[in-house]
Amino acid sequence: MKNETISISALAWTRADFEKAGEDIPESLISDDFHTEGELMSREEVDVWLADSYKTFLVVSERNPEAFDRLYDEFVIDVHYLLELGKISNEEAAAILIKSNYSL
């Protein structure tokens, strides 16, 4: 997934999707055959995920603008999935998706 153009949120993957792609399975999905990572995330986990994404973007935007653009595109898909699940509000999503906030 990390090396290909995606149209589905990484947070929308089930355990089977991770296995099929040969990716490491998130801890929350190891014993769950039915849910996606996004579905299982608590609000606290969403906030941690957002903070971690922000930190990653700050580093990547300085070092590799092309990688930044690719990661940001994937991030947008993930944020929309979290919005679809009701994990964040429309207002939060709009604020989160201001691209200029993620580069120095």
PDB file of N, CA and C in Angstrom:
ATOM      1  N   MET A   1       0.811  -1.194   0.000  1.00  0.00           N
ATOM      2  CA  MET A   1       0.000   0.000   0.000  1.00  0.00           C
ATOM      3  C   MET A   1       0.851   1.252   0.000  1.00  0.00           C
ATOM      4  N   LYS A   2       1.888   1.260   0.783  1.00  0.00           N
ATOM      5  CA  LYS A   2       2.686   2.461   0.927  1.00  0.00           C
ATOM      6  C   LYS A   2       3.387   2.831  -0.383  1.00  0.00           C
ATOM      7  N   ASN A   3       3.524   1.880  -1.290  1.00  0.00           N
ATOM      8  CA  ASN A   3       4.247   2.138  -2.525  1.00  0.00           C
ATOM      9  C   ASN A   3       3.345   2.268  -3.745  1.00  0.00           C
ATOM     10  N   GLU A   4       2.068   2.301  -3.547  1.00  0.00           N
ATOM     11  CA  GLU A   4       1.181   2.387  -4.696  1.00  0.00           C
ATOM     12  C   GLU A   4       0.140   3.480  -4.469  1.00  0.00           C
ATOM     13  N   THR A   5      -0.393   3.985  -5.569  1.00  0.00           N
ATOM     14  CA  THR A   5      -1.444   4.980  -5.464  1.00  0.00           C
ATOM     15  C   THR A   5      -2.690   4.295  -4.910  1.00  0.00           C
ATOM     16  N   ILE A   6      -3.296   4.917  -3.919  1.00  0.00           N
ATOM     17  CA  ILE A   6      -4.449   4.286  -3.287  1.00  0.00           C
ATOM     18  C   ILE A   6      -5.698   5.135  -3.480  1.00  0.00           C
ATOM     19  N   SER A   7      -6.824   4.496  -3.417  1.00  0.00           N
ATOM     20  CA  SER A   7      -8.086   5.211  -3.469  1.00  0.00           C
ATOM     21  C   SER A   7      -8.948   4.852  -2.271  1.00  0.00           C
ATOM     22  N   ILE A   8      -8.419   3.975  -1.423  1.00  0.00           N
ATOM     23  CA  ILE A   8      -9.142   3.593  -0.213  1.00  0.00           C
ATOM     24  C   ILE A   8      -8.247   3.929   0.978  1.00  0.00           C
ATOM     25  N   SER A   9      -8.869   4.361   2.019  1.00  0.00           N
ATOM     26  CA  SER A   9      -8.135   4.725   3.221  1.00  0.00           C
ATOM     27  C   SER A   9      -7.391   3.529   3.794  1.00  0.00           C
ATOM     28  N   ALA A  10      -6.173   3.767   4.239  1.00  0.00           N
ATOM     29  CA  ALA A  10      -5.438   2.718   4.950  1.00  0.00           C
ATOM     30  C   ALA A  10      -6.181   2.341   6.224  1.00  0.00           C
ATOM     31  N   LEU A  11      -6.913   3.274   6.787  1.00  0.00           N
ATOM     32  CA  LEU A  11      -7.685   3.014   7.999  1.00  0.00           C
ATOM     33  C   LEU A  11      -8.929   2.178   7.714  1.00  0.00           C
ATOM     34  N   ALA A  12      -9.234   1.954   6.430  1.00  0.00           N
ATOM     35  CA  ALA A  12     -10.395   1.153   6.037  1.00  0.00           C
ATOM     36  C   ALA A  12     -10.019  -0.295   5.753  1.00  0.00           C
ATOM     37  N   TRP A  13      -8.760  -0.632   5.963  1.00  0.00           N
ATOM     38  CA  TRP A  13      -8.309  -2.004   5.735  1.00  0.00           C
ATOM     39  C   TRP A  13      -8.686  -2.902   6.903  1.00  0.00           C
ATOM     40  N   THR A  14      -9.069  -4.123   6.567  1.00  0.00           N
ATOM     41  CA  THR A  14      -9.284  -5.163   7.569  1.00  0.00           C
ATOM     42  C   THR A  14      -7.977  -5.958   7.730  1.00  0.00           C
ATOM     43  N   ARG A  15      -7.984  -6.859   8.681  1.00  0.00           N
ATOM     44  CA  ARG A  15      -6.804  -7.707   8.872  1.00  0.00           C
ATOM     45  C   ARG A  15      -6.455  -8.443   7.583  1.00  0.00           C
ATOM     46  N   ALA A  16      -7.459  -8.945   6.892  1.00  0.00           N
ATOM     47  CA  ALA A  16      -7.220  -9.676   5.648  1.00  0.00           C
ATOM     48  C   ALA A  16      -6.542  -8.796   4.596  1.00  0.00           C
ATOM     49  N   ASP A  17      -6.902  -7.521   4.550  1.00  0.00           N
ATOM     50  CA  ASP A  17      -6.274  -6.607   3.598  1.00  0.00           C
ATOM     51  C   ASP A  17      -4.784  -6.451   3.896  1.00  0.00           C
ATOM     52  N   PHE A  18      -4.444  -6.305   5.169  1.00  0.00           N
ATOM     53  CA  PHE A  18      -3.040  -6.186   5.555  1.00  0.00           C
ATOM     54  C   PHE A  18      -2.277  -7.461   5.218  1.00  0.00           C
ATOM     55  N   GLU A  19      -2.885  -8.614   5.496  1.00  0.00           N
ATOM     56  CA  GLU A  19      -2.237  -9.886   5.192  1.00  0.00           C
ATOM     57  C   GLU A  19      -2.007 -10.037   3.691  1.00  0.00           C
ATOM     58  N   LYS A  20      -3.011  -9.712   2.906  1.00  0.00           N
ATOM     59  CA  LYS A  20      -2.925  -9.832   1.451  1.00  0.00           C
ATOM     60  C   LYS A  20      -1.813  -8.944   0.889  1.00  0.00           C
ATOM     61  N   ALA A  21      -1.660  -7.748   1.469  1.00  0.00           N
ATOM     62  CA  ALA A  21      -0.649  -6.798   1.001  1.00  0.00           C
ATOM     63  C   ALA A  21       0.734  -7.084   1.579  1.00  0.00           C
ATOM     64  N   GLY A  22       0.805  -8.026   2.511  1.00  0.00           N
ATOM     65  CA  GLY A  22       2.082  -8.332   3.136  1.00  0.00           C
ATOM     66  C   GLY A  22       2.554  -7.251   4.096  1.00  0.00           C
ATOM     67  N   GLU A  23       1.626  -6.470   4.610  1.00  0.00           N
ATOM     68  CA  GLU A  23       1.929  -5.380   5.551  1.00  0.00           C
ATOM     69  C   GLU A  23       1.802  -5.878   6.984  1.00  0.00           C
ATOM     70  N   ASP A  24       2.481  -5.197   7.897  1.00  0.00           N
ATOM     71  CA  ASP A  24       2.323  -5.498   9.308  1.00  0.00           C
ATOM     72  C   ASP A  24       0.892  -5.209   9.732  1.00  0.00           C
ATOM     73  N   ILE A  25       0.315  -6.112  10.497  1.00  0.00           N
ATOM     74  CA  ILE A  25      -1.064  -5.967  10.963  1.00  0.00           C
ATOM     75  C   ILE A  25      -1.071  -5.108  12.226  1.00  0.00           C
ATOM     76  N   PRO A  26      -1.875  -4.042  12.231  1.00  0.00           N
ATOM     77  CA  PRO A  26      -1.973  -3.236  13.445  1.00  0.00           C
ATOM     78  C   PRO A  26      -2.453  -4.091  14.619  1.00  0.00           C
ATOM     79  N   GLU A  27      -1.958  -3.777  15.778  1.00  0.00           N
ATOM     80  CA  GLU A  27      -2.279  -4.556  16.971  1.00  0.00           C
ATOM     81  C   GLU A  27      -3.785  -4.705  17.180  1.00  0.00           C
ATOM     82  N   SER A  28      -4.528  -3.638  16.888  1.00  0.00           N
ATOM     83  CA  SER A  28      -5.973  -3.670  17.123  1.00  0.00           C
ATOM     84  C   SER A  28      -6.696  -4.678  16.234  1.00  0.00           C
ATOM     85  N   LEU A  29      -6.064  -5.093  15.127  1.00  0.00           N
ATOM     86  CA  LEU A  29      -6.726  -6.000  14.183  1.00  0.00           C
ATOM     87  C   LEU A  29      -6.243  -7.442  14.282  1.00  0.00           C
ATOM     88  N   ILE A  30      -5.267  -7.698  15.116  1.00  0.00           N
ATOM     89  CA  ILE A  30      -4.676  -9.039  15.179  1.00  0.00           C
ATOM     90  C   ILE A  30      -5.720 -10.118  15.464  1.00  0.00           C
ATOM     91  N   SER A  31      -6.663  -9.837  16.336  1.00  0.00           N
ATOM     92  CA  SER A  31      -7.679 -10.852  16.664  1.00  0.00           C
ATOM     93  C   SER A  31      -9.073 -10.427  16.202  1.00  0.00           C
ATOM     94  N   ASP A  32      -9.145  -9.563  15.192  1.00  0.00           N
ATOM     95  CA  ASP A  32     -10.431  -9.074  14.704  1.00  0.00           C
ATOM     96  C   ASP A  32     -10.516  -9.293  13.197  1.00  0.00           C
ATOM     97  N   ASP A  33     -11.464 -10.105  12.774  1.00  0.00           N
ATOM     98  CA  ASP A  33     -11.619 -10.420  11.355  1.00  0.00           C
ATOM     99  C   ASP A  33     -12.592  -9.507  10.620  1.00  0.00           C
ATOM    100  N   PHE A  34     -13.304  -8.671  11.324  1.00  0.00           N
ATOM    101  CA  PHE A  34     -14.427  -7.983  10.700  1.00  0.00           C
ATOM    102  C   PHE A  34     -14.290  -6.469  10.606  1.00  0.00           C
ATOM    103  N   HIS A  35     -13.613  -5.851  11.540  1.00  0.00           N
ATOM    104  CA  HIS A  35     -13.564  -4.393  11.589  1.00  0.00           C
ATOM    105  C   HIS A  35     -12.334  -3.840  10.891  1.00  0.00           C
ATOM    106  N   THR A  36     -12.393  -2.551  10.629  1.00  0.00           N
ATOM    107  CA  THR A  36     -11.241  -1.840  10.090  1.00  0.00           C
ATOM    108  C   THR A  36     -10.535  -1.133  11.238  1.00  0.00           C
ATOM    109  N   GLU A  37      -9.307  -0.723  10.974  1.00  0.00           N
ATOM    110  CA  GLU A  37      -8.565   0.005  12.008  1.00  0.00           C
ATOM    111  C   GLU A  37      -9.305   1.277  12.404  1.00  0.00           C
ATOM    112  N   GLY A  38      -9.842   1.990  11.427  1.00  0.00           N
ATOM    113  CA  GLY A  38     -10.574   3.222  11.708  1.00  0.00           C
ATOM    114  C   GLY A  38     -11.803   2.995  12.570  1.00  0.00           C
ATOM    115  N   GLU A  39     -12.510   1.914  12.314  1.00  0.00           N
ATOM    116  CA  GLU A  39     -13.699   1.611  13.107  1.00  0.00           C
ATOM    117  C   GLU A  39     -13.355   1.364  14.566  1.00  0.00           C
ATOM    118  N   LEU A  40     -12.191   0.796  14.809  1.00  0.00           N
ATOM    119  CA  LEU A  40     -11.812   0.436  16.176  1.00  0.00           C
ATOM    120  C   LEU A  40     -11.117   1.564  16.933  1.00  0.00           C
ATOM    121  N   MET A  41     -10.772   2.636  16.254  1.00  0.00           N
ATOM    122  CA  MET A  41     -10.048   3.725  16.905  1.00  0.00           C
ATOM    123  C   MET A  41     -10.945   4.504  17.863  1.00  0.00           C
ATOM    124  N   SER A  42     -10.433   4.731  19.062  1.00  0.00           N
ATOM    125  CA  SER A  42     -11.119   5.624  20.011  1.00  0.00           C
ATOM    126  C   SER A  42     -10.779   7.061  19.622  1.00  0.00           C
ATOM    127  N   ARG A  43     -11.453   8.008  20.232  1.00  0.00           N
ATOM    128  CA  ARG A  43     -11.144   9.409  19.944  1.00  0.00           C
ATOM    129  C   ARG A  43      -9.696   9.723  20.334  1.00  0.00           C
ATOM    130  N   GLU A  44      -9.247   9.166  21.432  1.00  0.00           N
ATOM    131  CA  GLU A  44      -7.859   9.375  21.859  1.00  0.00           C
ATOM    132  C   GLU A  44      -6.888   8.839  20.805  1.00  0.00           C
ATOM    133  N   GLU A  45      -7.189   7.679  20.259  1.00  0.00           N
ATOM    134  CA  GLU A  45      -6.327   7.098  19.227  1.00  0.00           C
ATOM    135  C   GLU A  45      -6.351   7.934  17.946  1.00  0.00           C
ATOM    136  N   VAL A  46      -7.498   8.492  17.607  1.00  0.00           N
ATOM    137  CA  VAL A  46      -7.587   9.389  16.449  1.00  0.00           C
ATOM    138  C   VAL A  46      -6.689  10.601  16.684  1.00  0.00           C
ATOM    139  N   ASP A  47      -6.760  11.168  17.872  1.00  0.00           N
ATOM    140  CA  ASP A  47      -5.941  12.342  18.186  1.00  0.00           C
ATOM    141  C   ASP A  47      -4.448  12.016  18.117  1.00  0.00           C
ATOM    142  N   VAL A  48      -4.061  10.853  18.605  1.00  0.00           N
ATOM    143  CA  VAL A  48      -2.654  10.433  18.541  1.00  0.00           C
ATOM    144  C   VAL A  48      -2.245  10.231  17.085  1.00  0.00           C
ATOM    145  N   TRP A  49      -3.095   9.613  16.313  1.00  0.00           N
ATOM    146  CA  TRP A  49      -2.818   9.391  14.890  1.00  0.00           C
ATOM    147  C   TRP A  49      -2.630  10.726  14.168  1.00  0.00           C
ATOM    148  N   LEU A  50      -3.489  11.698  14.466  1.00  0.00           N
ATOM    149  CA  LEU A  50      -3.366  13.020  13.850  1.00  0.00           C
ATOM    150  C   LEU A  50      -2.060  13.698  14.258  1.00  0.00           C
ATOM    151  N   ALA A  51      -1.715  13.629  15.531  1.00  0.00           N
ATOM    152  CA  ALA A  51      -0.473  14.245  16.018  1.00  0.00           C
ATOM    153  C   ALA A  51       0.744  13.581  15.374  1.00  0.00           C
ATOM    154  N   ASP A  52       0.724  12.264  15.281  1.00  0.00           N
ATOM    155  CA  ASP A  52       1.830  11.551  14.644  1.00  0.00           C
ATOM    156  C   ASP A  52       1.937  11.918  13.163  1.00  0.00           C
ATOM    157  N   SER A  53       0.809  12.047  12.501  1.00  0.00           N
ATOM    158  CA  SER A  53       0.806  12.435  11.089  1.00  0.00           C
ATOM    159  C   SER A  53       1.406  13.825  10.927  1.00  0.00           C
ATOM    160  N   TYR A  54       1.021  14.734  11.793  1.00  0.00           N
ATOM    161  CA  TYR A  54       1.535  16.106  11.751  1.00  0.00           C
ATOM    162  C   TYR A  54       3.061  16.107  11.888  1.00  0.00           C
ATOM    163  N   LYS A  55       3.568  15.382  12.857  1.00  0.00           N
ATOM    164  CA  LYS A  55       5.023  15.313  13.073  1.00  0.00           C
ATOM    165  C   LYS A  55       5.733  14.733  11.847  1.00  0.00           C
ATOM    166  N   THR A  56       5.158  13.704  11.273  1.00  0.00           N
ATOM    167  CA  THR A  56       5.742  13.092  10.079  1.00  0.00           C
ATOM    168  C   THR A  56       5.777  14.085   8.932  1.00  0.00           C
ATOM    169  N   PHE A  57       4.679  14.804   8.736  1.00  0.00           N
ATOM    170  CA  PHE A  57       4.614  15.778   7.645  1.00  0.00           C
ATOM    171  C   PHE A  57       5.656  16.872   7.799  1.00  0.00           C
ATOM    172  N   LEU A  58       5.891  17.342   9.006  1.00  0.00           N
ATOM    173  CA  LEU A  58       6.879  18.400   9.214  1.00  0.00           C
ATOM    174  C   LEU A  58       8.272  17.944   8.779  1.00  0.00           C
ATOM    175  N   VAL A  59       8.615  16.711   9.094  1.00  0.00           N
ATOM    176  CA  VAL A  59       9.919  16.174   8.715  1.00  0.00           C
ATOM    177  C   VAL A  59       9.984  15.923   7.209  1.00  0.00           C
ATOM    178  N   VAL A  60       8.977  15.256   6.673  1.00  0.00           N
ATOM    179  CA  VAL A  60       8.989  14.884   5.260  1.00  0.00           C
ATOM    180  C   VAL A  60       8.907  16.105   4.353  1.00  0.00           C
ATOM    181  N   SER A  61       8.161  17.123   4.740  1.00  0.00           N
ATOM    182  CA  SER A  61       8.007  18.299   3.877  1.00  0.00           C
ATOM    183  C   SER A  61       9.339  18.997   3.649  1.00  0.00           C
ATOM    184  N   GLU A  62      10.215  18.939   4.628  1.00  0.00           N
ATOM    185  CA  GLU A  62      11.542  19.544   4.496  1.00  0.00           C
ATOM    186  C   GLU A  62      12.467  18.706   3.629  1.00  0.00           C
ATOM    187  N   ARG A  63      12.385  17.408   3.791  1.00  0.00           N
ATOM    188  CA  ARG A  63      13.358  16.513   3.165  1.00  0.00           C
ATOM    189  C   ARG A  63      12.970  16.014   1.788  1.00  0.00           C
ATOM    190  N   ASN A  64      11.661  15.841   1.550  1.00  0.00           N
ATOM    191  CA  ASN A  64      11.247  15.229   0.293  1.00  0.00           C
ATOM    192  C   ASN A  64       9.846  15.713  -0.086  1.00  0.00           C
ATOM    193  N   PRO A  65       9.775  16.837  -0.785  1.00  0.00           N
ATOM    194  CA  PRO A  65       8.460  17.402  -1.147  1.00  0.00           C
ATOM    195  C   PRO A  65       7.567  16.447  -1.942  1.00  0.00           C
ATOM    196  N   GLU A  66       8.154  15.614  -2.800  1.00  0.00           N
ATOM    197  CA  GLU A  66       7.339  14.665  -3.576  1.00  0.00           C
ATOM    198  C   GLU A  66       6.702  13.630  -2.660  1.00  0.00           C
ATOM    199  N   ALA A  67       7.473  13.137  -1.715  1.00  0.00           N
ATOM    200  CA  ALA A  67       6.925  12.173  -0.757  1.00  0.00           C
ATOM    201  C   ALA A  67       5.858  12.842   0.099  1.00  0.00           C
ATOM    202  N   PHE A  68       6.081  14.103   0.452  1.00  0.00           N
ATOM    203  CA  PHE A  68       5.094  14.845   1.230  1.00  0.00           C
ATOM    204  C   PHE A  68       3.758  14.874   0.487  1.00  0.00           C
ATOM    205  N   ASP A  69       3.788  15.215  -0.793  1.00  0.00           N
ATOM    206  CA  ASP A  69       2.548  15.293  -1.566  1.00  0.00           C
ATOM    207  C   ASP A  69       1.833  13.948  -1.613  1.00  0.00           C
ATOM    208  N   ARG A  70       2.586  12.876  -1.797  1.00  0.00           N
ATOM    209  CA  ARG A  70       1.978  11.541  -1.843  1.00  0.00           C
ATOM    210  C   ARG A  70       1.364  11.176  -0.490  1.00  0.00           C
ATOM    211  N   LEU A  71       2.123  11.418   0.582  1.00  0.00           N
ATOM    212  CA  LEU A  71       1.615  11.118   1.925  1.00  0.00           C
ATOM    213  C   LEU A  71       0.403  11.969   2.266  1.00  0.00           C
ATOM    214  N   TYR A  72       0.432  13.226   1.852  1.00  0.00           N
ATOM    215  CA  TYR A  72      -0.705  14.099   2.132  1.00  0.00           C
ATOM    216  C   TYR A  72      -1.949  13.605   1.400  1.00  0.00           C
ATOM    217  N   ASP A  73      -1.797  13.175   0.154  1.00  0.00           N
ATOM    218  CA  ASP A  73      -2.945  12.650  -0.596  1.00  0.00           C
ATOM    219  C   ASP A  73      -3.555  11.443   0.122  1.00  0.00           C
ATOM    220  N   GLU A  74      -2.701  10.554   0.644  1.00  0.00           N
ATOM    221  CA  GLU A  74      -3.190   9.398   1.399  1.00  0.00           C
ATOM    222  C   GLU A  74      -3.856   9.844   2.705  1.00  0.00           C
ATOM    223  N   PHE A  75      -3.286  10.861   3.340  1.00  0.00           N
ATOM    224  CA  PHE A  75      -3.816  11.415   4.579  1.00  0.00           C
ATOM    225  C   PHE A  75      -5.230  11.970   4.359  1.00  0.00           C
ATOM    226  N   VAL A  76      -5.442  12.652   3.247  1.00  0.00           N
ATOM    227  CA  VAL A  76      -6.765  13.203   2.922  1.00  0.00           C
ATOM    228  C   VAL A  76      -7.798  12.090   2.850  1.00  0.00           C
ATOM    229  N   ILE A  77      -7.438  10.992   2.213  1.00  0.00           N
ATOM    230  CA  ILE A  77      -8.347   9.844   2.106  1.00  0.00           C
ATOM    231  C   ILE A  77      -8.666   9.296   3.498  1.00  0.00           C
ATOM    232  N   ASP A  78      -7.632   9.188   4.340  1.00  0.00           N
ATOM    233  CA  ASP A  78      -7.834   8.696   5.710  1.00  0.00           C
ATOM    234  C   ASP A  78      -8.734   9.625   6.514  1.00  0.00           C
ATOM    235  N   VAL A  79      -8.519  10.926   6.387  1.00  0.00           N
ATOM    236  CA  VAL A  79      -9.336  11.899   7.132  1.00  0.00           C
ATOM    237  C   VAL A  79     -10.794  11.813   6.689  1.00  0.00           C
ATOM    238  N   HIS A  80     -11.011  11.669   5.393  1.00  0.00           N
ATOM    239  CA  HIS A  80     -12.391  11.533   4.906  1.00  0.00           C
ATOM    240  C   HIS A  80     -13.047  10.252   5.433  1.00  0.00           C
ATOM    241  N   TYR A  81     -12.271   9.198   5.564  1.00  0.00           N
ATOM    242  CA  TYR A  81     -12.804   7.957   6.127  1.00  0.00           C
ATOM    243  C   TYR A  81     -13.178   8.146   7.596  1.00  0.00           C
ATOM    244  N   LEU A  82     -12.319   8.815   8.348  1.00  0.00           N
ATOM    245  CA  LEU A  82     -12.640   9.102   9.757  1.00  0.00           C
ATOM    246  C   LEU A  82     -13.901   9.958   9.862  1.00  0.00           C
ATOM    247  N   LEU A  83     -14.059  10.895   8.954  1.00  0.00           N
ATOM    248  CA  LEU A  83     -15.267  11.728   8.915  1.00  0.00           C
ATOM    249  C   LEU A  83     -16.489  10.860   8.611  1.00  0.00           C
ATOM    250  N   GLU A  84     -16.366   9.981   7.636  1.00  0.00           N
ATOM    251  CA  GLU A  84     -17.458   9.072   7.268  1.00  0.00           C
ATOM    252  C   GLU A  84     -17.884   8.203   8.459  1.00  0.00           C
ATOM    253  N   LEU A  85     -16.904   7.793   9.263  1.00  0.00           N
ATOM    254  CA  LEU A  85     -17.192   6.961  10.431  1.00  0.00           C
ATOM    255  C   LEU A  85     -17.740   7.758  11.612  1.00  0.00           C
ATOM    256  N   GLY A  86     -17.716   9.075  11.523  1.00  0.00           N
ATOM    257  CA  GLY A  86     -18.167   9.910  12.627  1.00  0.00           C
ATOM    258  C   GLY A  86     -17.114  10.068  13.721  1.00  0.00           C
ATOM    259  N   LYS A  87     -15.867   9.768  13.400  1.00  0.00           N
ATOM    260  CA  LYS A  87     -14.780   9.882  14.383  1.00  0.00           C
ATOM    261  C   LYS A  87     -14.319  11.331  14.545  1.00  0.00           C
ATOM    262  N   ILE A  88     -14.561  12.140  13.510  1.00  0.00           N
ATOM    263  CA  ILE A  88     -14.276  13.574  13.550  1.00  0.00           C
ATOM    264  C   ILE A  88     -15.454  14.306  12.924  1.00  0.00           C
ATOM    265  N   SER A  89     -15.574  15.584  13.233  1.00  0.00           N
ATOM    266  CA  SER A  89     -16.679  16.387  12.688  1.00  0.00           C
ATOM    267  C   SER A  89     -16.260  17.041  11.367  1.00  0.00           C
ATOM    268  N   ASN A  90     -17.231  17.573  10.653  1.00  0.00           N
ATOM    269  CA  ASN A  90     -16.952  18.303   9.413  1.00  0.00           C
ATOM    270  C   ASN A  90     -16.002  19.464   9.665  1.00  0.00           C
ATOM    271  N   GLU A  91     -16.225  20.175  10.768  1.00  0.00           N
ATOM    272  CA  GLU A  91     -15.388  21.326  11.102  1.00  0.00           C
ATOM    273  C   GLU A  91     -13.956  20.890  11.381  1.00  0.00           C
ATOM    274  N   GLU A  92     -13.813  19.794  12.120  1.00  0.00           N
ATOM    275  CA  GLU A  92     -12.468  19.273  12.403  1.00  0.00           C
ATOM    276  C   GLU A  92     -11.778  18.856  11.115  1.00  0.00           C
ATOM    277  N   ALA A  93     -12.499  18.154  10.257  1.00  0.00           N
ATOM    278  CA  ALA A  93     -11.911  17.696   8.994  1.00  0.00           C
ATOM    279  C   ALA A  93     -11.440  18.883   8.160  1.00  0.00           C
ATOM    280  N   ALA A  94     -12.255  19.918   8.084  1.00  0.00           N
ATOM    281  CA  ALA A  94     -11.872  21.107   7.306  1.00  0.00           C
ATOM    282  C   ALA A  94     -10.586  21.725   7.852  1.00  0.00           C
ATOM    283  N   ALA A  95     -10.486  21.826   9.163  1.00  0.00           N
ATOM    284  CA  ALA A  95      -9.285  22.403   9.781  1.00  0.00           C
ATOM    285  C   ALA A  95      -8.082  21.481   9.595  1.00  0.00           C
ATOM    286  N   ILE A  96      -8.290  20.200   9.732  1.00  0.00           N
ATOM    287  CA  ILE A  96      -7.213  19.216   9.610  1.00  0.00           C
ATOM    288  C   ILE A  96      -6.644  19.205   8.197  1.00  0.00           C
ATOM    289  N   LEU A  97      -7.473  19.463   7.218  1.00  0.00           N
ATOM    290  CA  LEU A  97      -7.056  19.332   5.817  1.00  0.00           C
ATOM    291  C   LEU A  97      -6.464  20.597   5.209  1.00  0.00           C
ATOM    292  N   ILE A  98      -6.117  21.571   6.017  1.00  0.00           N
ATOM    293  CA  ILE A  98      -5.439  22.758   5.494  1.00  0.00           C
ATOM    294  C   ILE A  98      -3.978  22.362   5.266  1.00  0.00           C
ATOM    295  N   LYS A  99      -3.641  22.118   4.021  1.00  0.00           N
ATOM    296  CA  LYS A  99      -2.340  21.545   3.672  1.00  0.00           C
ATOM    297  C   LYS A  99      -1.166  22.385   4.154  1.00  0.00           C
ATOM    298  N   SER A 100      -1.298  23.674   4.142  1.00  0.00           N
ATOM    299  CA  SER A 100      -0.181  24.544   4.542  1.00  0.00           C
ATOM    300  C   SER A 100       0.182  24.381   6.020  1.00  0.00           C
ATOM    301  N   ASN A 101      -0.695  23.802   6.824  1.00  0.00           N
ATOM    302  CA  ASN A 101      -0.379  23.561   8.231  1.00  0.00           C
ATOM    303  C   ASN A 101       0.657  22.460   8.436  1.00  0.00           C
ATOM    304  N   TYR A 102       0.942  21.697   7.394  1.00  0.00           N
ATOM    305  CA  TYR A 102       1.786  20.523   7.530  1.00  0.00           C
ATOM    306  C   TYR A 102       3.183  20.679   6.956  1.00  0.00           C
ATOM    307  N   SER A 103       3.559  21.892   6.635  1.00  0.00           N
ATOM    308  CA  SER A 103       4.921  22.106   6.148  1.00  0.00           C
ATOM    309  C   SER A 103       5.482  23.355   6.797  1.00  0.00           C
ATOM    310  N   LEU A 104       6.805  23.396   6.887  1.00  0.00           N
ATOM    311  CA  LEU A 104       7.485  24.528   7.505  1.00  0.00           C
ATOM    312  C   LEU A 104       7.684  25.653   6.519  1.00  0.00           C
TER     313      LEU A 104
END
